[in-house]
Amino acid sequence: MRNDWILDVLEDLRSFADQSGMKASAEQLADTCLVVAAELSSTSSDVLPERAGGHEDGIARLSGGSPGG
């Protein structure tokens, strides 16, 4: 899949956060890696849907969006 690069970037960020003592950030990035991997594996093409990263399905709330909407 041509979008796999994003997992490498997220893992690099998670590793940096962990090595820098930013445990909460490292944990959040690990969770984000799981969400992205699931989204990538659920797409049937190499292009993510237009809605990826939007507010649908609570995705924005997982990445720090406001809880109220």
PDB file of N, CA and C in Angstrom:
ATOM      1  N   MET A   1       0.842  -1.182   0.000  1.00  0.00           N
ATOM      2  CA  MET A   1       0.000   0.000   0.000  1.00  0.00           C
ATOM      3  C   MET A   1       0.885   1.242   0.000  1.00  0.00           C
ATOM      4  N   ARG A   2       0.588   2.192  -0.822  1.00  0.00           N
ATOM      5  CA  ARG A   2       1.458   3.358  -0.918  1.00  0.00           C
ATOM      6  C   ARG A   2       1.308   4.317   0.260  1.00  0.00           C
ATOM      7  N   ASN A   3       0.314   4.127   1.097  1.00  0.00           N
ATOM      8  CA  ASN A   3       0.119   4.995   2.259  1.00  0.00           C
ATOM      9  C   ASN A   3       0.787   4.464   3.525  1.00  0.00           C
ATOM     10  N   ASP A   4       1.511   3.351   3.422  1.00  0.00           N
ATOM     11  CA  ASP A   4       2.170   2.780   4.599  1.00  0.00           C
ATOM     12  C   ASP A   4       3.215   3.704   5.214  1.00  0.00           C
ATOM     13  N   TRP A   5       3.717   4.652   4.453  1.00  0.00           N
ATOM     14  CA  TRP A   5       4.734   5.567   4.965  1.00  0.00           C
ATOM     15  C   TRP A   5       4.262   6.284   6.222  1.00  0.00           C
ATOM     16  N   ILE A   6       2.980   6.530   6.327  1.00  0.00           N
ATOM     17  CA  ILE A   6       2.467   7.262   7.485  1.00  0.00           C
ATOM     18  C   ILE A   6       2.714   6.494   8.775  1.00  0.00           C
ATOM     19  N   LEU A   7       2.683   5.170   8.704  1.00  0.00           N
ATOM     20  CA  LEU A   7       2.971   4.364   9.895  1.00  0.00           C
ATOM     21  C   LEU A   7       4.427   4.519  10.318  1.00  0.00           C
ATOM     22  N   ASP A   8       5.339   4.625   9.355  1.00  0.00           N
ATOM     23  CA  ASP A   8       6.751   4.845   9.672  1.00  0.00           C
ATOM     24  C   ASP A   8       6.951   6.188  10.365  1.00  0.00           C
ATOM     25  N   VAL A   9       6.284   7.209   9.864  1.00  0.00           N
ATOM     26  CA  VAL A   9       6.390   8.544  10.462  1.00  0.00           C
ATOM     27  C   VAL A   9       5.842   8.535  11.886  1.00  0.00           C
ATOM     28  N   LEU A  10       4.673   7.939  12.071  1.00  0.00           N
ATOM     29  CA  LEU A  10       4.076   7.878  13.406  1.00  0.00           C
ATOM     30  C   LEU A  10       4.952   7.092  14.373  1.00  0.00           C
ATOM     31  N   GLU A  11       5.544   6.001  13.908  1.00  0.00           N
ATOM     32  CA  GLU A  11       6.427   5.202  14.759  1.00  0.00           C
ATOM     33  C   GLU A  11       7.683   5.986  15.132  1.00  0.00           C
ATOM     34  N   ASP A  12       8.227   6.757  14.202  1.00  0.00           N
ATOM     35  CA  ASP A  12       9.380   7.608  14.515  1.00  0.00           C
ATOM     36  C   ASP A  12       9.013   8.635  15.582  1.00  0.00           C
ATOM     37  N   LEU A  13       7.843   9.241  15.448  1.00  0.00           N
ATOM     38  CA  LEU A  13       7.385  10.216  16.442  1.00  0.00           C
ATOM     39  C   LEU A  13       7.164   9.556  17.799  1.00  0.00           C
ATOM     40  N   ARG A  14       6.576   8.350  17.795  1.00  0.00           N
ATOM     41  CA  ARG A  14       6.343   7.630  19.043  1.00  0.00           C
ATOM     42  C   ARG A  14       7.663   7.288  19.725  1.00  0.00           C
ATOM     43  N   SER A  15       8.621   6.840  18.945  1.00  0.00           N
ATOM     44  CA  SER A  15       9.932   6.489  19.481  1.00  0.00           C
ATOM     45  C   SER A  15      10.622   7.715  20.082  1.00  0.00           C
ATOM     46  N   PHE A  16      10.567   8.837  19.382  1.00  0.00           N
ATOM     47  CA  PHE A  16      11.155  10.071  19.893  1.00  0.00           C
ATOM     48  C   PHE A  16      10.495  10.482  21.203  1.00  0.00           C
ATOM     49  N   ALA A  17       9.177  10.444  21.232  1.00  0.00           N
ATOM     50  CA  ALA A  17       8.455  10.823  22.448  1.00  0.00           C
ATOM     51  C   ALA A  17       8.837   9.915  23.608  1.00  0.00           C
ATOM     52  N   ASP A  18       8.930   8.624  23.351  1.00  0.00           N
ATOM     53  CA  ASP A  18       9.291   7.667  24.392  1.00  0.00           C
ATOM     54  C   ASP A  18      10.705   7.928  24.905  1.00  0.00           C
ATOM     55  N   GLN A  19      11.650   8.121  24.004  1.00  0.00           N
ATOM     56  CA  GLN A  19      13.039   8.367  24.388  1.00  0.00           C
ATOM     57  C   GLN A  19      13.218   9.712  25.079  1.00  0.00           C
ATOM     58  N   SER A  20      12.301  10.635  24.851  1.00  0.00           N
ATOM     59  CA  SER A  20      12.374  11.965  25.453  1.00  0.00           C
ATOM     60  C   SER A  20      11.587  12.067  26.748  1.00  0.00           C
ATOM     61  N   GLY A  21      11.054  10.949  27.211  1.00  0.00           N
ATOM     62  CA  GLY A  21      10.313  10.949  28.465  1.00  0.00           C
ATOM     63  C   GLY A  21       8.898  11.483  28.366  1.00  0.00           C
ATOM     64  N   MET A  22       8.389  11.616  27.167  1.00  0.00           N
ATOM     65  CA  MET A  22       7.023  12.110  26.967  1.00  0.00           C
ATOM     66  C   MET A  22       6.094  10.910  26.857  1.00  0.00           C
ATOM     67  N   LYS A  23       5.847  10.281  27.995  1.00  0.00           N
ATOM     68  CA  LYS A  23       5.115   9.010  28.031  1.00  0.00           C
ATOM     69  C   LYS A  23       3.684   9.132  27.508  1.00  0.00           C
ATOM     70  N   ALA A  24       2.976  10.193  27.887  1.00  0.00           N
ATOM     71  CA  ALA A  24       1.590  10.357  27.425  1.00  0.00           C
ATOM     72  C   ALA A  24       1.540  10.507  25.906  1.00  0.00           C
ATOM     73  N   SER A  25       2.468  11.277  25.365  1.00  0.00           N
ATOM     74  CA  SER A  25       2.519  11.446  23.911  1.00  0.00           C
ATOM     75  C   SER A  25       2.862  10.132  23.222  1.00  0.00           C
ATOM     76  N   ALA A  26       3.807   9.389  23.791  1.00  0.00           N
ATOM     77  CA  ALA A  26       4.195   8.094  23.216  1.00  0.00           C
ATOM     78  C   ALA A  26       3.011   7.134  23.203  1.00  0.00           C
ATOM     79  N   GLU A  27       2.251   7.111  24.289  1.00  0.00           N
ATOM     80  CA  GLU A  27       1.080   6.232  24.357  1.00  0.00           C
ATOM     81  C   GLU A  27       0.015   6.653  23.351  1.00  0.00           C
ATOM     82  N   GLN A  28      -0.214   7.950  23.225  1.00  0.00           N
ATOM     83  CA  GLN A  28      -1.209   8.444  22.271  1.00  0.00           C
ATOM     84  C   GLN A  28      -0.790   8.112  20.844  1.00  0.00           C
ATOM     85  N   LEU A  29       0.489   8.270  20.547  1.00  0.00           N
ATOM     86  CA  LEU A  29       0.977   7.953  19.207  1.00  0.00           C
ATOM     87  C   LEU A  29       0.887   6.458  18.915  1.00  0.00           C
ATOM     88  N   ALA A  30       1.103   5.624  19.925  1.00  0.00           N
ATOM     89  CA  ALA A  30       0.938   4.177  19.745  1.00  0.00           C
ATOM     90  C   ALA A  30      -0.514   3.857  19.400  1.00  0.00           C
ATOM     91  N   ASP A  31      -1.449   4.506  20.101  1.00  0.00           N
ATOM     92  CA  ASP A  31      -2.873   4.322  19.792  1.00  0.00           C
ATOM     93  C   ASP A  31      -3.194   4.816  18.381  1.00  0.00           C
ATOM     94  N   THR A  32      -2.605   5.950  18.016  1.00  0.00           N
ATOM     95  CA  THR A  32      -2.824   6.509  16.685  1.00  0.00           C
ATOM     96  C   THR A  32      -2.327   5.557  15.607  1.00  0.00           C
ATOM     97  N   CYS A  33      -1.191   4.917  15.856  1.00  0.00           N
ATOM     98  CA  CYS A  33      -0.668   3.925  14.903  1.00  0.00           C
ATOM     99  C   CYS A  33      -1.684   2.809  14.676  1.00  0.00           C
ATOM    100  N   LEU A  34      -2.324   2.360  15.740  1.00  0.00           N
ATOM    101  CA  LEU A  34      -3.323   1.298  15.616  1.00  0.00           C
ATOM    102  C   LEU A  34      -4.523   1.751  14.790  1.00  0.00           C
ATOM    103  N   VAL A  35      -4.976   2.974  15.038  1.00  0.00           N
ATOM    104  CA  VAL A  35      -6.125   3.507  14.299  1.00  0.00           C
ATOM    105  C   VAL A  35      -5.783   3.634  12.816  1.00  0.00           C
ATOM    106  N   VAL A  36      -4.611   4.189  12.528  1.00  0.00           N
ATOM    107  CA  VAL A  36      -4.199   4.369  11.134  1.00  0.00           C
ATOM    108  C   VAL A  36      -4.031   3.015  10.440  1.00  0.00           C
ATOM    109  N   ALA A  37      -3.417   2.061  11.122  1.00  0.00           N
ATOM    110  CA  ALA A  37      -3.244   0.731  10.533  1.00  0.00           C
ATOM    111  C   ALA A  37      -4.597   0.099  10.214  1.00  0.00           C
ATOM    112  N   ALA A  38      -5.551   0.259  11.111  1.00  0.00           N
ATOM    113  CA  ALA A  38      -6.893  -0.283  10.877  1.00  0.00           C
ATOM    114  C   ALA A  38      -7.557   0.405   9.688  1.00  0.00           C
ATOM    115  N   GLU A  39      -7.423   1.723   9.606  1.00  0.00           N
ATOM    116  CA  GLU A  39      -8.019   2.448   8.483  1.00  0.00           C
ATOM    117  C   GLU A  39      -7.367   2.053   7.164  1.00  0.00           C
ATOM    118  N   LEU A  40      -6.052   1.928   7.167  1.00  0.00           N
ATOM    119  CA  LEU A  40      -5.357   1.541   5.941  1.00  0.00           C
ATOM    120  C   LEU A  40      -5.757   0.141   5.494  1.00  0.00           C
ATOM    121  N   SER A  41      -5.898  -0.758   6.449  1.00  0.00           N
ATOM    122  CA  SER A  41      -6.240  -2.131   6.078  1.00  0.00           C
ATOM    123  C   SER A  41      -7.699  -2.272   5.649  1.00  0.00           C
ATOM    124  N   SER A  42      -8.542  -1.332   6.054  1.00  0.00           N
ATOM    125  CA  SER A  42      -9.958  -1.424   5.695  1.00  0.00           C
ATOM    126  C   SER A  42     -10.272  -0.788   4.350  1.00  0.00           C
ATOM    127  N   THR A  43      -9.311  -0.077   3.775  1.00  0.00           N
ATOM    128  CA  THR A  43      -9.548   0.529   2.464  1.00  0.00           C
ATOM    129  C   THR A  43      -9.201  -0.473   1.381  1.00  0.00           C
ATOM    130  N   SER A  44      -9.973  -0.476   0.325  1.00  0.00           N
ATOM    131  CA  SER A  44      -9.748  -1.436  -0.751  1.00  0.00           C
ATOM    132  C   SER A  44      -8.832  -0.893  -1.835  1.00  0.00           C
ATOM    133  N   SER A  45      -8.522   0.405  -1.774  1.00  0.00           N
ATOM    134  CA  SER A  45      -7.623   0.993  -2.765  1.00  0.00           C
ATOM    135  C   SER A  45      -6.456   1.651  -2.050  1.00  0.00           C
ATOM    136  N   ASP A  46      -5.530   2.178  -2.816  1.00  0.00           N
ATOM    137  CA  ASP A  46      -4.364   2.849  -2.241  1.00  0.00           C
ATOM    138  C   ASP A  46      -4.665   4.274  -1.812  1.00  0.00           C
ATOM    139  N   VAL A  47      -5.865   4.747  -2.054  1.00  0.00           N
ATOM    140  CA  VAL A  47      -6.238   6.111  -1.703  1.00  0.00           C
ATOM    141  C   VAL A  47      -7.220   6.061  -0.551  1.00  0.00           C
ATOM    142  N   LEU A  48      -6.936   6.826   0.493  1.00  0.00           N
ATOM    143  CA  LEU A  48      -7.851   6.875   1.628  1.00  0.00           C
ATOM    144  C   LEU A  48      -9.117   7.623   1.235  1.00  0.00           C
ATOM    145  N   PRO A  49     -10.234   7.289   1.857  1.00  0.00           N
ATOM    146  CA  PRO A  49     -11.481   7.992   1.560  1.00  0.00           C
ATOM    147  C   PRO A  49     -11.384   9.472   1.916  1.00  0.00           C
ATOM    148  N   GLU A  50     -12.201  10.267   1.273  1.00  0.00           N
ATOM    149  CA  GLU A  50     -12.235  11.704   1.527  1.00  0.00           C
ATOM    150  C   GLU A  50     -12.466  12.024   2.994  1.00  0.00           C
ATOM    151  N   ARG A  51     -13.248  11.217   3.678  1.00  0.00           N
ATOM    152  CA  ARG A  51     -13.615  11.512   5.055  1.00  0.00           C
ATOM    153  C   ARG A  51     -12.518  11.185   6.056  1.00  0.00           C
ATOM    154  N   ALA A  52     -11.459  10.514   5.663  1.00  0.00           N
ATOM    155  CA  ALA A  52     -10.407  10.145   6.610  1.00  0.00           C
ATOM    156  C   ALA A  52      -9.861  11.397   7.272  1.00  0.00           C
ATOM    157  N   GLY A  53      -9.763  11.364   8.574  1.00  0.00           N
ATOM    158  CA  GLY A  53      -9.274  12.495   9.330  1.00  0.00           C
ATOM    159  C   GLY A  53     -10.351  13.508   9.658  1.00  0.00           C
ATOM    160  N   GLY A  54     -11.555  13.286   9.225  1.00  0.00           N
ATOM    161  CA  GLY A  54     -12.651  14.200   9.513  1.00  0.00           C
ATOM    162  C   GLY A  54     -13.287  13.897  10.850  1.00  0.00           C
ATOM    163  N   HIS A  55     -14.449  14.457  11.073  1.00  0.00           N
ATOM    164  CA  HIS A  55     -15.129  14.289  12.349  1.00  0.00           C
ATOM    165  C   HIS A  55     -16.053  13.084  12.370  1.00  0.00           C
ATOM    166  N   GLU A  56     -16.258  12.434  11.254  1.00  0.00           N
ATOM    167  CA  GLU A  56     -17.155  11.291  11.208  1.00  0.00           C
ATOM    168  C   GLU A  56     -16.571  10.127  11.991  1.00  0.00           C
ATOM    169  N   ASP A  57     -17.402   9.350  12.593  1.00  0.00           N
ATOM    170  CA  ASP A  57     -17.012   8.161  13.354  1.00  0.00           C
ATOM    171  C   ASP A  57     -16.139   8.482  14.559  1.00  0.00           C
ATOM    172  N   GLY A  58     -16.100   9.728  15.010  1.00  0.00           N
ATOM    173  CA  GLY A  58     -15.330  10.082  16.198  1.00  0.00           C
ATOM    174  C   GLY A  58     -13.830  10.108  15.993  1.00  0.00           C
ATOM    175  N   ILE A  59     -13.353  10.080  14.761  1.00  0.00           N
ATOM    176  CA  ILE A  59     -11.914  10.024  14.516  1.00  0.00           C
ATOM    177  C   ILE A  59     -11.219  11.265  15.058  1.00  0.00           C
ATOM    178  N   ALA A  60     -11.783  12.438  14.870  1.00  0.00           N
ATOM    179  CA  ALA A  60     -11.140  13.658  15.348  1.00  0.00           C
ATOM    180  C   ALA A  60     -11.039  13.663  16.865  1.00  0.00           C
ATOM    181  N   ARG A  61     -12.028  13.103  17.544  1.00  0.00           N
ATOM    182  CA  ARG A  61     -11.975  13.059  19.000  1.00  0.00           C
ATOM    183  C   ARG A  61     -10.832  12.176  19.488  1.00  0.00           C
ATOM    184  N   LEU A  62     -10.501  11.109  18.747  1.00  0.00           N
ATOM    185  CA  LEU A  62      -9.381  10.253  19.120  1.00  0.00           C
ATOM    186  C   LEU A  62      -8.059  10.999  19.019  1.00  0.00           C
ATOM    187  N   SER A  63      -7.998  11.987  18.134  1.00  0.00           N
ATOM    188  CA  SER A  63      -6.748  12.696  17.933  1.00  0.00           C
ATOM    189  C   SER A  63      -6.749  14.067  18.593  1.00  0.00           C
ATOM    190  N   GLY A  64      -7.590  14.264  19.600  1.00  0.00           N
ATOM    191  CA  GLY A  64      -7.568  15.503  20.351  1.00  0.00           C
ATOM    192  C   GLY A  64      -8.623  16.511  19.955  1.00  0.00           C
ATOM    193  N   GLY A  65      -9.589  16.127  19.157  1.00  0.00           N
ATOM    194  CA  GLY A  65     -10.674  17.024  18.812  1.00  0.00           C
ATOM    195  C   GLY A  65     -11.499  17.363  20.042  1.00  0.00           C
ATOM    196  N   SER A  66     -12.281  18.402  19.962  1.00  0.00           N
ATOM    197  CA  SER A  66     -13.065  18.797  21.124  1.00  0.00           C
ATOM    198  C   SER A  66     -14.148  17.775  21.424  1.00  0.00           C
ATOM    199  N   PRO A  67     -14.351  17.431  22.703  1.00  0.00           N
ATOM    200  CA  PRO A  67     -15.337  16.417  23.062  1.00  0.00           C
ATOM    201  C   PRO A  67     -16.766  16.824  22.742  1.00  0.00           C
ATOM    202  N   GLY A  68     -17.027  18.103  22.642  1.00  0.00           N
ATOM    203  CA  GLY A  68     -18.380  18.576  22.408  1.00  0.00           C
ATOM    204  C   GLY A  68     -18.792  18.586  20.954  1.00  0.00           C
ATOM    205  N   GLY A  69     -17.904  18.249  20.039  1.00  0.00           N
ATOM    206  CA  GLY A  69     -18.328  18.228  18.647  1.00  0.00           C
ATOM    207  C   GLY A  69     -17.436  18.865  17.723  1.00  0.00           C
TER     208      GLY A  69
END
